[in-house]
Every structure is written in structure tokens, then in C-alpha cells.
Amino acid sequence: MYYYAFVPLHTMFQEYDVIVVGAGHAGCEAAAAAANMGSRVLLVTMNMQTIAQMSCNPAMGGIAKGQIVREIDALGGYSGIVSDKSMIQFRMLNKSKGPGMWSPRSQNDRMLFASTWRDMLEATPNVDFWQDMVKGLIVSRGTIKGVITAMGQEIRGKSVVLTNGTFLNGVIHIGEKQFGGGRMGESRATGITEQLVELGFESARLKTGTPPRIDGRSLDYTKMEVQYGDEEVVGFSYMPIEKIKPQQQRCCWVTYTSDKVHDILKTGFEKSPMYQGRIQGSGPRYCPSIEDKISRFAERDRHQLFVEPEGWNTVEIYVNGFSTSLPEDVQYKALQMVPGFENCKFFRPGYAIEYDYFPPTQLSFTLETKLIKNLFFAGQINGTTGYEEAACQGLMAGINAHRNAQELEPIVLERSDAYIGVLIDDLINKGTDEPYRMFTSRAEFRTLLRQDNADLRLTELGHKIGLATDERLGLMQEKKARVEKIKNTLAEFPIEPTAVNGYLEEKGSAQLIERFRAQKILLRPGINLKELMVAVPALKEAIGEEDTLAIEQAEIQVKYDVYIEKEKELVKKMATLENLNIPSSFNYDKLTALSAEARQKLTKIQPRTLGQASRISGVNPSDVQILMVYMGR
């Protein structure tokens, strides 16, 4: 006779400090951050084979997004390291503009990116994994206590981070076809939205899309423009990660749509889920579908398409700029009219996906929900779009979930600290009714928040909270000392006219008639420090061993010193408002002088300071003045 001992399912699991639901970019950063700071972490995902999946384009960074990846890295997150290890091409965008606009971007091997992330998570102590769908939350007296999975497990945790991406009640649309899914070939997640709404949360719908994937062997690249990587591969991470050599980079290509392509696409509009009203959610304004483009920009006779390889060892091609949910036959016929795509073969059509999100005004600056203590939201559940925006939210949610579990003070980045601070401040104060994407124009202090100085801005903080390693802090301190040494050399080193006039003439700059300090020459328009060092070998010798990043950093600090100081002064002025605290749960209804909209928005968001109140959409300067007078009393 055999006896079976049945063990209650919940006893399979220890009680975790932090439970992370979802293993996309936000979930991976949240799990890694909390675990590296000392929390016991469980990462729950519906599919262990799709951890850190690049659901859309095989690239990281870009305008403002590259700054975010560098900030994640500076704090001790993993996205920069993973991107560097999996890149197949690197470009620094906006180099023709000032350094506040420079933005690193990489093309990545999609499969290598995901496998590298999984390797790093599995090598991170304190991270456990569980494959299942979370269908509900355990909540008691307004505090999160754990999660319930589809298989019935009750897993207890002190903090929970929801990073559900596009999976919450996700619906995929291709023409007149629609079916449930969080990503092509993967099931949607159900149960969480319904429970949160019952608990008092407000939810809504958003939409995003992706283009068709093409067999690269079927394309004629001779009809396209070649787009090469940079001659210098800088990368994202401040750690000494071995990167690809410039000559090893894969190239991308550029081609264009035409009136003929647009005419074919228009034939599918009557079956478009967006134009027929089957999609209720708003799509991304700054990454529109191809049908959106030809409708909104009818005056344009062509649109640019970027032809991007998916990796080192695959022929799969991503057609950046051709996101669509039109019927697959219309997609195919239209693409065949694009130069180089005449004989294209599809791996799969493009599609749109509609999903639930929770307006982020329901969160505090730590990304903890206001309604339920120790419950955090990060990523597309907050209405953002993009890997980088999701990853930085995951990092901050992971940090604060850990600190909540350990009963430590929260960590909040201000707008003057990081693009991450700008993003979270925008979400909390303004909310979003369309997928939010970061741009340099959103940051009022972008001269301070450059991609080159993220380590100088954030690594000490990352180390202080136990996330950035001693090695990372040491590298930052060495760089800082090296930069100061170079700046001191430039301030003191004299250059004779005979040593530099040939170079100045070549650059179209006035020649010297007397000795000048190197720093003063460097301040001239068009003068480059590396070129000046070549023209004046004695200066190169005085500066010493060449360090590209330190030299670039020193040059930026010298050239833009006046602008940097002006922004620092502006930050100080803004800090006056930031330091004027508003009592918690303040009753705005009693201030009848405030506009009705201001009273409504202030009551809903409950800003911590007058500075935050001034950035809330619908609160005008006169409302802020009224608050200042009242607080003064």
C-alpha cells in the first residue's frame, strides 16, 4: 500500500521580500535591483523562455532613451551591460548638436539580448523564478500580502511589483481578425485588472503596434541606402565591458515608401481595426502606425523605413517605420512596392495590440500605489512605451520595493537629477492618455542631464543604497580625478602661436599673435580637444595617457561651463518651490480662490510640494500663487 502526503501549495514557497510579476525590461531590472540590494526576490513570468524579450524593435537607446540606459547603468542596473554584450551596431545620435542632445543607440541581437539578461539574473543571488500567470493579489487592510497564481499557489511577499507590459487583457488585431494575447503566440493575463478596479483603481486602454518581420534573403539591398555604425563604439555601460570592434558591426539600410505604397495601404482602411472603431485605446503619438502616418501627414509623398537585422545568426529583418494592423494581404502588397522589397517574404505580419493600463496619477513618486501599501507598478502598466522607459521604472520600483520591505526611507530622483526623474515626475503629475515616450525636450535641465556624465551624477547614490558596486564607484572616482587633471592642465598650459596657427588656419579660426592658454583656444567655435592635442604634441604629452571618455568629459565641461552654471542656478531657484511642503491630505476645497480644475487635480494627485503642484496639468501660475500665500500664512 502506498501513502501520498499532500503538502499545501503555499508551503512550497518561502515568504519573499519582493515579488516581481512579469519578466520584461521593467521586471528584470526590478528583480535584479531588489536582489542586489539584499532582498529575497521571486520573479514570476508566464514563460521562462521569453525573459527580457525585445517585443518590438531589436534596439536600445536613441534620443533621450540612450540617456536613460546610461542612468540605469550608473545606478547599478543591468540594461547597459546587456546592451553592450549583445550589440551588433552602435551609433551616437545628434553629434552635430550640443552634448546635451547626444544620444547613444545600439542595434542588438534579439536572442542574445534575452539570453544575456537571463544569464545575469540566474547569476544574481537571491533571485528565484516561477513560471505561471498571476491572476490575483492578496490584499489585507490596504496592504499587499502576496499574489495568487493561475495554478492556485498563494505566494506571500512584503512588496509586490507589477510589470505586466501589454498582457493585461491584451487583444491582438490584424485587419478584421482579433484574438486574445499579450504578444504574438503568447496568452494574455486576466484577473488583475478586474480585482484592482474592484479595489478602487481607475483603468483604461492603450494600443501599440509592431511591423511585419521579413526574410532578409528575399530583399535587394542594392536598392537601399546603407547605414553604417560609428567608427568608435562607445556603448552604454561605464563598466569595462568588452564590445564589438567597429569593423565587426552589422550595417542597417534605409528605404522609402511612395505614393503607390500609400494608395495600396488605403485600400485596407475599411478593414482597419483602428478606423472601424474596434480599437478603443490611444496609440503612440511619436511612433505611429504607417496608416496613421499617411492619414496625419497626407502632404508627404514618402516615409522613411529602416531595415534592421535581428541579430548575428538570423536572416530575420525588422522593418522599422512600418508598424501596422492592416490585413496581412494589404501589408504584403504594399511592401512589395517599396524599393528593395519587390520579392519580399514574410515571417509574420505586423499587428496592433490593445491592453489595460492604470493612469499613473494613482502612484506616488516611489511608484508605489496610493491605494495599496507596498504595491508598485512599473512599465507599460503605467502608460509608457519603450524598453528604456520600462526598464528605468522597474529599477526605481525594485529599489523602493526593497526599501519598503526593509523599512528604509524611499529613493526619489528629482527632475534635475536624471531623465528618470523627469519621466516619473511627468507620469505622476500629468498622467497620460496615450503611450508616453521620453524626449530630450521634456527635460528642462538637459545640459546637466547629459549621457556622458550619468555616472558622475548617479553612481555615488547607487553605491550609497547598496546597488552600485565598489568597482563601479572606483571607476567613477578615477574618471572624475582624471577629468579634473585634464581641466587643470588646459587652464595652465601655454601654447605659442607658431605651434598652433597652422591648425587654426585650417579650422578657419583667427591666428594667434601672442601666447594663449590651451583652455582659451579650446573655447573657440569648431576647435576640438583631440585635434588640438594632435596639432600641439606638447599638450598631448602634458595631458598624458589618452583616455577618450575623460578627454571628452573635460572638453564638455570647459566648453559648456557657462551654460552648465546657468542651469545649476536655475535648479537652485526651482528648489525654493520644491522645499515648500504641502501638508499631506490637504483640503483644497476650502481654497475657493483656486480654479475648479486646479482643486480637482490637486485633490486627486495630492502633491508633496509647491514645485510639484506647479507642474500638474491644469494648475496655472495664479493657482500656485494662491497656494504660496496660504502656506505663508
Foldseek 3Di string as FASTA:
>chain_A
DDDDDDDPQQVVADAWAEEEEAQELLSLLLLLQLLLLPTQYEYEAQDPQQHNAPQAAQKAKDFQRQLLLLLCQLLFTCSQLLCQVFFQFKAFPPPVDALLGTMIMTRGQRNSSRVVSVVVQVVRPNYHYHHFAFQAFDADPQATFATATPVGHTHGHRFYEYEQQFQAQKWKFAQQDIDAASGVPHHGHYRYVVVVVVLPFDKDKAKEKHFFKWQLVQFDQVQWAKAAHDQDHPTRHLDPRDGDHRVSHDIKTKWKAFQVLLVLLVVQLVRACVNVVVADAYEAPVQDAPPCCCVVVVVDGMDMWMWGDNHDPGRMTGTRNHTGRTHQVSSLVSQCRIHGCVRIDTPGGMIMMMHMATFQLQADQLQAGPRHPNYHYADCNNQADDSSRRNLRSNSNSLQSSCVSVVHDHDGADLLQEVNNLSSLCRNQATDRYHDDDHSVSRPLSLNSGSLCSSVRRNVVSVVSSNRDPVSVVSSVVLVVLLVQLLVQQQPPKDAQVQCQVVCVVQVHDGDPGIDRNLVVLLDPPDDPVVRCVSHVVSVVSSPDDDPSSSVVSSSCSNCVVVNVVSVVVVVVLVVQVPAFDDFQDQLVVLVVFDPQLNVSCNSNVDGTLSSSPPHPPGDPVNSVSVVVVSVD
